[in-house]
Amino acid sequence: MTHTIRLFILSFVLSSLPWSGSAVTSEALDPLPVVASADEGPAIINDARTPIINMSKRPTLQPKESAPSQFTYTLRNPQGKLCVRASLGVEYIVRENKKKYYFNLNPSSTRATGYCGNIRSVLSLDFDGGNLEFTFIKEGGVSYVKTIKGLLKPAPPCKNCQNKTYVGVVDHEKLFKADNGLSFKCKSDMTLILADYFRVKLVPLQIQAFDLSNGAFGKEVECWADFNKRMIPIILGAVAAAICLIAILTFLLIRERRGQGYEQL
C-alpha cells in the first residue's frame, strides 16, 4: 500500500512539470536574444540560426576581372522609414598562390540586413558564402563609415588550392564622410584593403545613412578621385592657355621692340 502511494505521488509530480508530454524545443535550449542599446532600434535581420554560408552555393572565383553589377540596397527602421541607402557594385579580390582571383556580388542573391540607430547604423550585404558589412557613425554634423568587414568562403579556385575562408576588416577610419543630410558619391574605382590577401572594390558608389529626406539620396559630396579627374583637365587646359598667352605676349613685345629699333635707324 505504501509503495502504491509513493508511485502515485511520483506520477503526479512528473505530470505537473512544464515539459511533460512535449519535446524540448530549440527555443528553450538556444534562445535568440535581440540586443539593442538605447540608441539602436530593433534589429532588422534574418534568423541568426540560419547559416549564411550555404556549402552547396559557394561563390566561384574567376581568373579574369569583370565589371560588377550595380544595385541599390536599402534598410528601413521598424516604422518603415528608410535609414540607409547604398548604390554600388561589389567585387571581391583574393590572392592565392601568387595569382589574383575575382568574385562579383550578385544582387539577385544578396540580402540587405542590419539595423537603424540615431548615431550608429549597420548595413550588411549577405549572400551564400559571405557578406560585406558597413558600420555608419553620426558624429556632430557629419556621418561616415567607421568599419567595413568582409567575409568570403569560395570554392577552391584550382585543383591544388585548399578550402579557405577569406576575412578582413578596415576599422577606425572615417570613410565616405559627408555632412548630415548629404550623400557620398564616387564614380571612380575604390579598392579597400581588408587584408594582405583580401580586397574589395566598390564601383560606382553612392551611399548615405541618417537623415534621408523621403528616402532619397541627399546632395552629393564628390570623392577626391572624381574631383581630381574633373579638375586635372581643367588645370592642364588653363596652364596650356597661360603658356600660349605668354608666348603671344612675348612675340608681340619682341616685335614691338624691333619696330622701335628700325625707326631709330
Protein backbone atom coordinates (compact mmCIF):
# COMPACT_ATOMS: atom_id res chain seq x y z
CA MET A 1 0.00 0.00 0.00
CA THR A 2 2.78 2.43 0.93
CA HIS A 3 4.58 1.57 -2.31
CA THR A 4 1.43 2.31 -4.32
CA ILE A 5 1.03 5.74 -2.65
CA ARG A 6 4.64 6.62 -3.44
CA LEU A 7 4.17 5.72 -7.11
CA PHE A 8 1.02 7.84 -7.26
CA ILE A 9 2.79 10.88 -5.75
CA LEU A 10 5.76 10.49 -8.12
CA SER A 11 3.44 10.22 -11.12
CA PHE A 12 1.57 13.37 -10.06
CA VAL A 13 4.81 15.38 -9.64
CA LEU A 14 6.13 14.31 -13.04
CA SER A 15 2.86 15.16 -14.79
CA SER A 16 2.90 18.68 -13.32
CA LEU A 17 6.30 19.59 -14.84
CA PRO A 18 6.10 22.06 -17.82
CA TRP A 19 7.99 19.81 -20.22
CA SER A 20 5.90 16.72 -19.58
CA GLY A 21 4.24 15.31 -22.69
CA SER A 22 6.09 17.57 -25.16
CA ALA A 23 9.53 17.80 -26.72
CA VAL A 24 12.01 20.40 -25.51
CA THR A 25 12.27 22.92 -28.38
CA SER A 26 15.41 24.64 -29.65
CA GLU A 27 13.90 27.94 -28.49
CA ALA A 28 14.37 26.84 -24.90
CA LEU A 29 17.84 25.43 -25.40
CA ASP A 30 19.13 28.09 -27.78
CA PRO A 31 17.24 31.36 -27.35
CA LEU A 32 17.75 34.14 -29.90
CA PRO A 33 18.26 37.36 -27.93
CA VAL A 34 17.81 40.74 -29.56
CA VAL A 35 20.30 43.11 -28.01
CA ALA A 36 20.00 46.83 -28.65
CA SER A 37 21.33 49.88 -26.89
CA ALA A 38 19.22 52.91 -26.13
CA ASP A 39 20.33 54.40 -29.46
CA GLU A 40 19.59 51.38 -31.62
CA GLY A 41 16.24 50.36 -32.99
CA PRO A 42 15.13 46.72 -33.07
CA ALA A 43 17.31 44.57 -35.25
CA ILE A 44 16.17 44.01 -38.83
CA ILE A 45 17.95 40.74 -39.52
CA ASN A 46 17.42 37.22 -40.70
CA ASP A 47 17.21 34.44 -38.11
CA ALA A 48 20.75 34.16 -36.76
CA ARG A 49 20.39 30.38 -36.59
CA THR A 50 20.01 30.21 -40.38
CA PRO A 51 23.57 29.76 -41.66
CA ILE A 52 24.77 32.47 -44.04
CA ILE A 53 27.21 30.12 -45.73
CA ASN A 54 25.43 27.55 -47.88
CA MET A 55 28.07 25.00 -48.85
CA SER A 56 26.08 23.95 -51.94
CA LYS A 57 26.10 27.51 -53.32
CA ARG A 58 29.60 28.67 -52.56
CA PRO A 59 30.99 31.58 -54.63
CA THR A 60 33.08 30.66 -57.65
CA LEU A 61 36.26 32.68 -58.11
CA GLN A 62 37.12 33.82 -61.63
CA PRO A 63 40.63 34.23 -63.08
CA LYS A 64 39.65 37.36 -65.02
CA GLU A 65 38.19 40.61 -63.77
CA SER A 66 34.79 41.88 -64.97
CA ALA A 67 32.59 44.83 -64.06
CA PRO A 68 30.24 44.06 -61.13
CA SER A 69 26.51 44.69 -61.38
CA GLN A 70 25.31 47.86 -59.67
CA PHE A 71 22.31 47.71 -57.37
CA THR A 72 20.64 49.90 -54.74
CA TYR A 73 20.33 48.32 -51.29
CA THR A 74 18.13 49.91 -48.61
CA LEU A 75 17.38 49.42 -44.94
CA ARG A 76 14.28 50.55 -43.04
CA ASN A 77 13.60 51.05 -39.36
CA PRO A 78 10.60 49.36 -37.65
CA GLN A 79 8.43 52.36 -38.55
CA GLY A 80 9.16 51.78 -42.26
CA LYS A 81 11.36 54.84 -42.69
CA LEU A 82 14.44 54.47 -44.86
CA CYS A 83 17.59 54.84 -42.76
CA VAL A 84 20.35 53.54 -45.06
CA ARG A 85 20.65 53.68 -48.83
CA ALA A 86 23.61 52.34 -50.80
CA SER A 87 24.02 52.09 -54.56
CA LEU A 88 27.11 50.18 -55.60
CA GLY A 89 28.74 47.26 -57.37
CA VAL A 90 30.98 44.96 -55.30
CA GLU A 91 33.96 42.95 -56.48
CA TYR A 92 35.97 40.68 -54.17
CA ILE A 93 39.65 40.22 -54.98
CA VAL A 94 41.69 37.44 -53.36
CA ARG A 95 45.28 36.39 -53.84
CA GLU A 96 46.05 32.68 -53.91
CA ASN A 97 49.36 31.11 -54.96
CA LYS A 98 50.61 34.49 -56.22
CA LYS A 99 47.58 34.81 -58.51
CA LYS A 100 44.56 37.07 -58.27
CA TYR A 101 41.01 35.74 -58.41
CA TYR A 102 37.76 37.68 -58.55
CA PHE A 103 34.16 37.32 -57.44
CA ASN A 104 31.37 39.80 -58.24
CA LEU A 105 28.46 40.22 -55.86
CA ASN A 106 25.19 39.13 -57.48
CA PRO A 107 22.35 41.47 -56.42
CA SER A 108 19.67 38.85 -57.14
CA SER A 109 21.07 36.54 -54.44
CA THR A 110 22.08 39.21 -51.91
CA ARG A 111 20.07 40.15 -48.80
CA ALA A 112 20.37 43.56 -47.14
CA THR A 113 20.15 43.19 -43.35
CA GLY A 114 21.20 45.23 -40.32
CA TYR A 115 19.65 47.80 -38.01
CA CYS A 116 18.98 51.52 -37.72
CA GLY A 117 20.07 53.83 -34.91
CA ASN A 118 20.21 57.54 -34.18
CA ILE A 119 24.01 57.71 -34.19
CA ARG A 120 25.00 54.19 -35.31
CA SER A 121 23.60 52.02 -38.09
CA VAL A 122 24.77 48.80 -39.73
CA LEU A 123 24.17 47.58 -43.27
CA SER A 124 25.20 44.02 -44.10
CA LEU A 125 25.05 42.57 -47.61
CA ASP A 126 24.64 38.83 -47.03
CA PHE A 127 24.87 36.07 -49.61
CA ASP A 128 25.54 32.34 -49.66
CA GLY A 129 29.24 32.16 -48.98
CA GLY A 130 29.96 35.51 -47.33
CA ASN A 131 28.95 39.06 -46.57
CA LEU A 132 30.07 42.69 -46.58
CA GLU A 133 29.19 44.85 -43.56
CA PHE A 134 29.24 48.65 -43.21
CA THR A 135 29.05 50.40 -39.83
CA PHE A 136 27.86 54.02 -40.05
CA ILE A 137 28.52 56.62 -37.36
CA LYS A 138 26.86 60.01 -36.91
CA GLU A 139 29.12 62.43 -35.08
CA GLY A 140 28.10 66.04 -34.69
CA GLY A 141 27.28 67.49 -38.08
CA VAL A 142 28.83 64.70 -40.14
CA SER A 143 28.38 60.98 -40.78
CA TYR A 144 30.85 58.40 -42.08
CA VAL A 145 31.61 54.70 -42.31
CA LYS A 146 33.80 53.62 -39.40
CA THR A 147 34.17 49.92 -40.11
CA ILE A 148 33.93 47.67 -43.17
CA LYS A 149 34.07 43.91 -42.64
CA GLY A 150 34.29 41.34 -45.39
CA LEU A 151 33.95 37.55 -45.47
CA LEU A 152 34.18 35.19 -48.44
CA LYS A 153 34.20 31.39 -48.40
CA PRO A 154 34.52 30.35 -52.06
CA ALA A 155 35.02 27.01 -53.72
CA PRO A 156 38.76 26.31 -54.26
CA PRO A 157 39.86 28.17 -57.43
CA CYS A 158 42.28 25.46 -58.55
CA LYS A 159 42.99 21.74 -58.07
CA ASN A 160 45.88 22.30 -55.70
CA CYS A 161 44.13 25.08 -53.79
CA GLN A 162 42.74 24.42 -50.33
CA ASN A 163 39.38 25.37 -48.89
CA LYS A 164 39.82 28.81 -47.37
CA THR A 165 37.76 31.48 -45.72
CA TYR A 166 38.92 34.98 -46.53
CA VAL A 167 38.18 37.55 -43.84
CA GLY A 168 39.31 41.13 -43.34
CA VAL A 169 38.36 44.48 -41.88
CA VAL A 170 39.00 48.19 -42.26
CA ASP A 171 38.46 49.75 -38.84
CA HIS A 172 38.85 53.08 -37.03
CA GLU A 173 38.51 55.05 -40.25
CA LYS A 174 36.27 57.90 -41.41
CA LEU A 175 35.36 56.64 -44.86
CA PHE A 176 32.76 58.21 -47.17
CA LYS A 177 32.48 61.27 -44.94
CA ALA A 178 29.66 63.74 -45.63
CA ASP A 179 27.68 66.39 -43.81
CA ASN A 180 24.37 65.28 -42.35
CA GLY A 181 21.69 65.02 -44.99
CA LEU A 182 24.23 64.65 -47.83
CA SER A 183 25.32 61.53 -49.69
CA PHE A 184 28.84 60.44 -50.60
CA LYS A 185 29.37 59.60 -54.27
CA CYS A 186 32.35 58.22 -56.17
CA LYS A 187 32.31 57.13 -59.82
CA SER A 188 35.97 56.08 -59.68
CA ASP A 189 37.05 52.63 -58.52
CA MET A 190 37.52 52.45 -54.75
CA THR A 191 39.63 49.50 -53.58
CA LEU A 192 39.65 48.72 -49.85
CA ILE A 193 42.46 46.57 -48.43
CA LEU A 194 40.75 44.32 -45.87
CA ALA A 195 43.81 42.06 -45.53
CA ASP A 196 47.06 41.38 -47.39
CA TYR A 197 45.37 38.66 -49.43
CA PHE A 198 41.83 40.08 -49.48
CA ARG A 199 40.45 43.26 -51.06
CA VAL A 200 37.08 44.67 -52.03
CA LYS A 201 36.43 47.05 -54.89
CA LEU A 202 33.36 49.31 -54.83
CA VAL A 203 32.33 50.88 -58.14
CA PRO A 204 30.48 53.11 -58.64
CA LEU A 205 29.42 54.11 -55.14
CA GLN A 206 26.76 56.36 -53.66
CA ILE A 207 25.94 55.86 -50.01
CA GLN A 208 24.10 57.60 -47.18
CA ALA A 209 22.88 56.80 -43.68
CA PHE A 210 20.75 59.00 -41.42
CA ASP A 211 18.63 61.99 -42.50
CA LEU A 212 17.38 60.64 -45.83
CA SER A 213 14.67 63.01 -46.98
CA ASN A 214 11.75 60.96 -48.37
CA GLY A 215 14.10 58.01 -48.66
CA ALA A 216 16.13 59.63 -51.46
CA PHE A 217 19.83 60.47 -51.60
CA GLY A 218 20.77 63.94 -50.45
CA LYS A 219 23.01 66.32 -52.37
CA GLU A 220 26.20 64.60 -53.47
CA VAL A 221 29.64 65.00 -51.90
CA GLU A 222 32.27 64.25 -54.52
CA CYS A 223 35.18 61.94 -53.72
CA TRP A 224 38.78 63.11 -54.24
CA ALA A 225 39.36 60.72 -57.13
CA ASP A 226 36.42 62.16 -59.09
CA PHE A 227 37.43 65.70 -58.14
CA ASN A 228 40.97 65.14 -59.44
CA LYS A 229 39.71 63.57 -62.66
CA ARG A 230 37.43 66.53 -63.23
CA MET A 231 39.87 69.26 -62.21
CA ILE A 232 43.14 68.00 -63.73
CA PRO A 233 41.98 68.54 -67.35
CA ILE A 234 40.73 71.99 -66.38
CA ILE A 235 44.04 72.84 -64.70
CA LEU A 236 46.07 71.49 -67.61
CA GLY A 237 43.89 73.43 -70.04
CA ALA A 238 44.36 76.61 -68.02
CA VAL A 239 48.15 76.06 -67.90
CA ALA A 240 48.26 75.46 -71.66
CA ALA A 241 46.21 78.60 -72.28
CA ALA A 242 48.51 80.60 -69.98
CA ILE A 243 51.60 79.33 -71.83
CA CYS A 244 50.07 80.26 -75.19
CA LEU A 245 49.16 83.70 -73.88
CA ILE A 246 52.68 84.26 -72.54
CA ALA A 247 54.14 83.15 -75.89
CA ILE A 248 51.89 85.54 -77.81
CA LEU A 249 52.68 88.45 -75.48
CA THR A 250 56.40 87.69 -75.72
CA PHE A 251 56.20 87.61 -79.52
CA LEU A 252 54.33 90.94 -79.63
CA LEU A 253 56.79 92.57 -77.20
CA ILE A 254 59.80 91.45 -79.24
CA ARG A 255 58.13 92.57 -82.44
CA GLU A 256 57.37 95.99 -80.96
CA ARG A 257 60.95 96.49 -79.78
CA ARG A 258 62.32 95.52 -83.16
CA GLY A 259 59.99 98.08 -84.80
CA GLN A 260 61.29 100.82 -82.48
CA GLY A 261 64.88 99.89 -83.39
CA TYR A 262 64.19 100.26 -87.11
CA GLU A 263 62.65 103.71 -86.55
CA GLN A 264 65.80 104.95 -84.75
CA LEU A 265 67.96 103.86 -87.68
